Amino acid sequence: MFDKVKYKGEECFIFGRRSSGYFDLRKLDGTVIHRSVNCKDLKLISKAKTLLWERRIDVAVSPHD
């Protein structure tokens, strides 16, 4: 997950792996490049060395408002 790869000349990241051997490719901002790409069509640029975290703040809303 999150390895940097090149697909059709465009650098992107692996966001998901399928049991079939296909990958979900996206930019870091979440823009979908391709939802199901064969590993033979990818070129590894660099392996993920860190984890990516996204911090979200939940705001509770009263059901009576």
PDB file of N, CA and C in Angstrom:
ATOM      1  N   MET A   1       0.832  -1.183   0.000  1.00  0.00           N
ATOM      2  CA  MET A   1       0.000   0.000   0.000  1.00  0.00           C
ATOM      3  C   MET A   1       0.884   1.257   0.000  1.00  0.00           C
ATOM      4  N   PHE A   2       0.472   2.219  -0.757  1.00  0.00           N
ATOM      5  CA  PHE A   2       1.098   3.531  -0.867  1.00  0.00           C
ATOM      6  C   PHE A   2       2.490   3.515  -1.501  1.00  0.00           C
ATOM      7  N   ASP A   3       2.821   2.434  -2.213  1.00  0.00           N
ATOM      8  CA  ASP A   3       4.035   2.453  -3.016  1.00  0.00           C
ATOM      9  C   ASP A   3       3.826   3.440  -4.151  1.00  0.00           C
ATOM     10  N   LYS A   4       4.880   4.148  -4.515  1.00  0.00           N
ATOM     11  CA  LYS A   4       4.811   5.097  -5.627  1.00  0.00           C
ATOM     12  C   LYS A   4       5.125   4.340  -6.901  1.00  0.00           C
ATOM     13  N   VAL A   5       4.227   4.438  -7.873  1.00  0.00           N
ATOM     14  CA  VAL A   5       4.390   3.714  -9.132  1.00  0.00           C
ATOM     15  C   VAL A   5       4.158   4.654 -10.308  1.00  0.00           C
ATOM     16  N   LYS A   6       4.560   4.185 -11.480  1.00  0.00           N
ATOM     17  CA  LYS A   6       4.306   4.928 -12.709  1.00  0.00           C
ATOM     18  C   LYS A   6       3.356   4.100 -13.558  1.00  0.00           C
ATOM     19  N   TYR A   7       2.269   4.731 -14.001  1.00  0.00           N
ATOM     20  CA  TYR A   7       1.273   4.086 -14.848  1.00  0.00           C
ATOM     21  C   TYR A   7       1.002   4.991 -16.043  1.00  0.00           C
ATOM     22  N   LYS A   8       1.329   4.514 -17.227  1.00  0.00           N
ATOM     23  CA  LYS A   8       1.156   5.276 -18.467  1.00  0.00           C
ATOM     24  C   LYS A   8       1.785   6.672 -18.375  1.00  0.00           C
ATOM     25  N   GLY A   9       3.005   6.727 -17.817  1.00  0.00           N
ATOM     26  CA  GLY A   9       3.755   7.972 -17.728  1.00  0.00           C
ATOM     27  C   GLY A   9       3.346   8.882 -16.590  1.00  0.00           C
ATOM     28  N   GLU A  10       2.395   8.460 -15.763  1.00  0.00           N
ATOM     29  CA  GLU A  10       1.908   9.296 -14.660  1.00  0.00           C
ATOM     30  C   GLU A  10       2.271   8.657 -13.324  1.00  0.00           C
ATOM     31  N   GLU A  11       2.857   9.456 -12.426  1.00  0.00           N
ATOM     32  CA  GLU A  11       3.210   8.964 -11.108  1.00  0.00           C
ATOM     33  C   GLU A  11       1.983   8.987 -10.208  1.00  0.00           C
ATOM     34  N   CYS A  12       1.771   7.878  -9.496  1.00  0.00           N
ATOM     35  CA  CYS A  12       0.630   7.781  -8.597  1.00  0.00           C
ATOM     36  C   CYS A  12       0.964   6.789  -7.483  1.00  0.00           C
ATOM     37  N   PHE A  13      -0.011   6.511  -6.636  1.00  0.00           N
ATOM     38  CA  PHE A  13       0.205   5.657  -5.472  1.00  0.00           C
ATOM     39  C   PHE A  13      -0.804   4.523  -5.453  1.00  0.00           C
ATOM     40  N   ILE A  14      -0.390   3.385  -4.895  1.00  0.00           N
ATOM     41  CA  ILE A  14      -1.282   2.239  -4.753  1.00  0.00           C
ATOM     42  C   ILE A  14      -2.133   2.458  -3.510  1.00  0.00           C
ATOM     43  N   PHE A  15      -3.440   2.557  -3.697  1.00  0.00           N
ATOM     44  CA  PHE A  15      -4.361   2.773  -2.591  1.00  0.00           C
ATOM     45  C   PHE A  15      -5.094   1.501  -2.198  1.00  0.00           C
ATOM     46  N   GLY A  16      -5.071   0.486  -3.046  1.00  0.00           N
ATOM     47  CA  GLY A  16      -5.749  -0.754  -2.715  1.00  0.00           C
ATOM     48  C   GLY A  16      -5.227  -1.898  -3.549  1.00  0.00           C
ATOM     49  N   ARG A  17      -5.266  -3.097  -2.956  1.00  0.00           N
ATOM     50  CA  ARG A  17      -4.855  -4.313  -3.667  1.00  0.00           C
ATOM     51  C   ARG A  17      -6.043  -5.258  -3.733  1.00  0.00           C
ATOM     52  N   ARG A  18      -6.216  -5.867  -4.869  1.00  0.00           N
ATOM     53  CA  ARG A  18      -7.309  -6.820  -5.060  1.00  0.00           C
ATOM     54  C   ARG A  18      -6.749  -8.248  -4.983  1.00  0.00           C
ATOM     55  N   SER A  19      -7.572  -9.179  -4.608  1.00  0.00           N
ATOM     56  CA  SER A  19      -7.137 -10.579  -4.537  1.00  0.00           C
ATOM     57  C   SER A  19      -6.798 -11.115  -5.930  1.00  0.00           C
ATOM     58  N   SER A  20      -7.317 -10.450  -6.966  1.00  0.00           N
ATOM     59  CA  SER A  20      -7.052 -10.860  -8.339  1.00  0.00           C
ATOM     60  C   SER A  20      -5.676 -10.414  -8.834  1.00  0.00           C
ATOM     61  N   GLY A  21      -4.965  -9.597  -8.031  1.00  0.00           N
ATOM     62  CA  GLY A  21      -3.657  -9.105  -8.439  1.00  0.00           C
ATOM     63  C   GLY A  21      -3.702  -7.738  -9.087  1.00  0.00           C
ATOM     64  N   TYR A  22      -4.853  -7.100  -9.062  1.00  0.00           N
ATOM     65  CA  TYR A  22      -5.013  -5.758  -9.637  1.00  0.00           C
ATOM     66  C   TYR A  22      -4.946  -4.711  -8.529  1.00  0.00           C
ATOM     67  N   PHE A  23      -4.666  -3.450  -8.919  1.00  0.00           N
ATOM     68  CA  PHE A  23      -4.447  -2.386  -7.951  1.00  0.00           C
ATOM     69  C   PHE A  23      -5.328  -1.177  -8.213  1.00  0.00           C
ATOM     70  N   ASP A  24      -5.684  -0.485  -7.134  1.00  0.00           N
ATOM     71  CA  ASP A  24      -6.416   0.776  -7.196  1.00  0.00           C
ATOM     72  C   ASP A  24      -5.370   1.886  -7.125  1.00  0.00           C
ATOM     73  N   LEU A  25      -5.288   2.735  -8.156  1.00  0.00           N
ATOM     74  CA  LEU A  25      -4.276   3.791  -8.229  1.00  0.00           C
ATOM     75  C   LEU A  25      -4.912   5.161  -8.036  1.00  0.00           C
ATOM     76  N   ARG A  26      -4.260   5.986  -7.214  1.00  0.00           N
ATOM     77  CA  ARG A  26      -4.750   7.345  -6.967  1.00  0.00           C
ATOM     78  C   ARG A  26      -3.595   8.299  -6.729  1.00  0.00           C
ATOM     79  N   LYS A  27      -3.894   9.576  -6.837  1.00  0.00           N
ATOM     80  CA  LYS A  27      -2.976  10.630  -6.417  1.00  0.00           C
ATOM     81  C   LYS A  27      -3.106  10.755  -4.903  1.00  0.00           C
ATOM     82  N   LEU A  28      -2.207  11.464  -4.261  1.00  0.00           N
ATOM     83  CA  LEU A  28      -2.285  11.620  -2.808  1.00  0.00           C
ATOM     84  C   LEU A  28      -3.536  12.355  -2.359  1.00  0.00           C
ATOM     85  N   ASP A  29      -4.067  13.220  -3.214  1.00  0.00           N
ATOM     86  CA  ASP A  29      -5.286  13.951  -2.836  1.00  0.00           C
ATOM     87  C   ASP A  29      -6.545  13.110  -3.019  1.00  0.00           C
ATOM     88  N   GLY A  30      -6.401  11.861  -3.482  1.00  0.00           N
ATOM     89  CA  GLY A  30      -7.531  10.967  -3.638  1.00  0.00           C
ATOM     90  C   GLY A  30      -8.082  10.877  -5.050  1.00  0.00           C
ATOM     91  N   THR A  31      -7.538  11.670  -5.964  1.00  0.00           N
ATOM     92  CA  THR A  31      -7.981  11.626  -7.357  1.00  0.00           C
ATOM     93  C   THR A  31      -7.718  10.236  -7.932  1.00  0.00           C
ATOM     94  N   VAL A  32      -8.769   9.606  -8.458  1.00  0.00           N
ATOM     95  CA  VAL A  32      -8.645   8.248  -8.994  1.00  0.00           C
ATOM     96  C   VAL A  32      -7.954   8.287 -10.354  1.00  0.00           C
ATOM     97  N   ILE A  33      -6.897   7.506 -10.488  1.00  0.00           N
ATOM     98  CA  ILE A  33      -6.204   7.349 -11.767  1.00  0.00           C
ATOM     99  C   ILE A  33      -6.789   6.143 -12.493  1.00  0.00           C
ATOM    100  N   HIS A  34      -6.906   5.021 -11.788  1.00  0.00           N
ATOM    101  CA  HIS A  34      -7.516   3.817 -12.350  1.00  0.00           C
ATOM    102  C   HIS A  34      -7.931   2.927 -11.181  1.00  0.00           C
ATOM    103  N   ARG A  35      -9.088   2.309 -11.273  1.00  0.00           N
ATOM    104  CA  ARG A  35      -9.593   1.491 -10.162  1.00  0.00           C
ATOM    105  C   ARG A  35      -9.127   0.035 -10.205  1.00  0.00           C
ATOM    106  N   SER A  36      -8.635  -0.425 -11.343  1.00  0.00           N
ATOM    107  CA  SER A  36      -8.252  -1.829 -11.448  1.00  0.00           C
ATOM    108  C   SER A  36      -7.193  -2.020 -12.530  1.00  0.00           C
ATOM    109  N   VAL A  37      -5.921  -1.936 -12.110  1.00  0.00           N
ATOM    110  CA  VAL A  37      -4.790  -2.033 -13.038  1.00  0.00           C
ATOM    111  C   VAL A  37      -4.000  -3.301 -12.746  1.00  0.00           C
ATOM    112  N   ASN A  38      -3.602  -3.991 -13.789  1.00  0.00           N
ATOM    113  CA  ASN A  38      -2.773  -5.178 -13.655  1.00  0.00           C
ATOM    114  C   ASN A  38      -1.363  -4.759 -13.247  1.00  0.00           C
ATOM    115  N   CYS A  39      -0.733  -5.564 -12.398  1.00  0.00           N
ATOM    116  CA  CYS A  39       0.617  -5.244 -11.927  1.00  0.00           C
ATOM    117  C   CYS A  39       1.630  -5.187 -13.068  1.00  0.00           C
ATOM    118  N   LYS A  40       1.364  -5.874 -14.175  1.00  0.00           N
ATOM    119  CA  LYS A  40       2.275  -5.863 -15.319  1.00  0.00           C
ATOM    120  C   LYS A  40       2.335  -4.491 -15.988  1.00  0.00           C
ATOM    121  N   ASP A  41       1.326  -3.655 -15.753  1.00  0.00           N
ATOM    122  CA  ASP A  41       1.272  -2.322 -16.362  1.00  0.00           C
ATOM    123  C   ASP A  41       1.918  -1.244 -15.491  1.00  0.00           C
ATOM    124  N   LEU A  42       2.472  -1.637 -14.341  1.00  0.00           N
ATOM    125  CA  LEU A  42       3.042  -0.676 -13.391  1.00  0.00           C
ATOM    126  C   LEU A  42       4.553  -0.780 -13.335  1.00  0.00           C
ATOM    127  N   LYS A  43       5.182   0.356 -13.044  1.00  0.00           N
ATOM    128  CA  LYS A  43       6.624   0.375 -12.788  1.00  0.00           C
ATOM    129  C   LYS A  43       6.831   0.973 -11.404  1.00  0.00           C
ATOM    130  N   LEU A  44       7.497   0.239 -10.529  1.00  0.00           N
ATOM    131  CA  LEU A  44       7.750   0.697  -9.167  1.00  0.00           C
ATOM    132  C   LEU A  44       8.758   1.836  -9.179  1.00  0.00           C
ATOM    133  N   ILE A  45       8.404   2.940  -8.536  1.00  0.00           N
ATOM    134  CA  ILE A  45       9.318   4.075  -8.395  1.00  0.00           C
ATOM    135  C   ILE A  45       9.971   4.028  -7.024  1.00  0.00           C
ATOM    136  N   SER A  46       9.151   3.900  -5.976  1.00  0.00           N
ATOM    137  CA  SER A  46       9.700   3.770  -4.622  1.00  0.00           C
ATOM    138  C   SER A  46       8.694   3.084  -3.714  1.00  0.00           C
ATOM    139  N   LYS A  47       9.225   2.333  -2.762  1.00  0.00           N
ATOM    140  CA  LYS A  47       8.383   1.645  -1.794  1.00  0.00           C
ATOM    141  C   LYS A  47       7.990   2.607  -0.679  1.00  0.00           C
ATOM    142  N   ALA A  48       6.823   2.383  -0.107  1.00  0.00           N
ATOM    143  CA  ALA A  48       6.347   3.200   1.003  1.00  0.00           C
ATOM    144  C   ALA A  48       7.245   2.947   2.220  1.00  0.00           C
ATOM    145  N   LYS A  49       7.730   4.019   2.809  1.00  0.00           N
ATOM    146  CA  LYS A  49       8.605   3.891   3.980  1.00  0.00           C
ATOM    147  C   LYS A  49       7.953   4.443   5.235  1.00  0.00           C
ATOM    148  N   THR A  50       6.835   5.123   5.061  1.00  0.00           N
ATOM    149  CA  THR A  50       6.121   5.707   6.198  1.00  0.00           C
ATOM    150  C   THR A  50       4.629   5.474   6.017  1.00  0.00           C
ATOM    151  N   LEU A  51       3.888   5.732   7.052  1.00  0.00           N
ATOM    152  CA  LEU A  51       2.431   5.660   6.983  1.00  0.00           C
ATOM    153  C   LEU A  51       1.873   7.039   6.729  1.00  0.00           C
ATOM    154  N   LEU A  52       0.781   7.092   5.998  1.00  0.00           N
ATOM    155  CA  LEU A  52       0.096   8.355   5.763  1.00  0.00           C
ATOM    156  C   LEU A  52      -1.101   8.433   6.708  1.00  0.00           C
ATOM    157  N   TRP A  53      -1.244   9.554   7.386  1.00  0.00           N
ATOM    158  CA  TRP A  53      -2.342   9.751   8.316  1.00  0.00           C
ATOM    159  C   TRP A  53      -3.155  10.952   7.887  1.00  0.00           C
ATOM    160  N   GLU A  54      -4.445  10.841   8.048  1.00  0.00           N
ATOM    161  CA  GLU A  54      -5.326  11.972   7.792  1.00  0.00           C
ATOM    162  C   GLU A  54      -6.090  12.244   9.077  1.00  0.00           C
ATOM    163  N   ARG A  55      -6.015  13.457   9.547  1.00  0.00           N
ATOM    164  CA  ARG A  55      -6.692  13.826  10.782  1.00  0.00           C
ATOM    165  C   ARG A  55      -8.026  14.465  10.428  1.00  0.00           C
ATOM    166  N   ARG A  56      -9.095  13.941  11.008  1.00  0.00           N
ATOM    167  CA  ARG A  56     -10.427  14.483  10.786  1.00  0.00           C
ATOM    168  C   ARG A  56     -11.024  14.883  12.124  1.00  0.00           C
ATOM    169  N   ILE A  57     -11.759  15.955  12.118  1.00  0.00           N
ATOM    170  CA  ILE A  57     -12.412  16.426  13.332  1.00  0.00           C
ATOM    171  C   ILE A  57     -13.906  16.208  13.170  1.00  0.00           C
ATOM    172  N   ASP A  58     -14.493  15.446  14.089  1.00  0.00           N
ATOM    173  CA  ASP A  58     -15.935  15.215  14.069  1.00  0.00           C
ATOM    174  C   ASP A  58     -16.611  16.264  14.937  1.00  0.00           C
ATOM    175  N   VAL A  59     -17.701  16.787  14.456  1.00  0.00           N
ATOM    176  CA  VAL A  59     -18.467  17.771  15.201  1.00  0.00           C
ATOM    177  C   VAL A  59     -19.809  17.158  15.523  1.00  0.00           C
ATOM    178  N   ALA A  60     -20.097  17.053  16.814  1.00  0.00           N
ATOM    179  CA  ALA A  60     -21.372  16.473  17.240  1.00  0.00           C
ATOM    180  C   ALA A  60     -22.473  17.505  17.096  1.00  0.00           C
ATOM    181  N   VAL A  61     -23.603  17.065  16.527  1.00  0.00           N
ATOM    182  CA  VAL A  61     -24.755  17.942  16.346  1.00  0.00           C
ATOM    183  C   VAL A  61     -25.897  17.374  17.162  1.00  0.00           C
ATOM    184  N   SER A  62     -26.534  18.226  17.927  1.00  0.00           N
ATOM    185  CA  SER A  62     -27.650  17.798  18.761  1.00  0.00           C
ATOM    186  C   SER A  62     -28.855  17.442  17.874  1.00  0.00           C
ATOM    187  N   PRO A  63     -29.527  16.323  18.150  1.00  0.00           N
ATOM    188  CA  PRO A  63     -30.670  15.939  17.325  1.00  0.00           C
ATOM    189  C   PRO A  63     -31.871  16.860  17.503  1.00  0.00           C
ATOM    190  N   HIS A  64     -31.839  17.732  18.521  1.00  0.00           N
ATOM    191  CA  HIS A  64     -32.953  18.643  18.795  1.00  0.00           C
ATOM    192  C   HIS A  64     -32.787  19.997  18.135  1.00  0.00           C
ATOM    193  N   ASP A  65     -31.692  20.208  17.432  1.00  0.00           N
ATOM    194  CA  ASP A  65     -31.469  21.513  16.779  1.00  0.00           C
ATOM    195  C   ASP A  65     -32.167  21.603  15.463  1.00  0.00           C
TER     196      ASP A  65
END
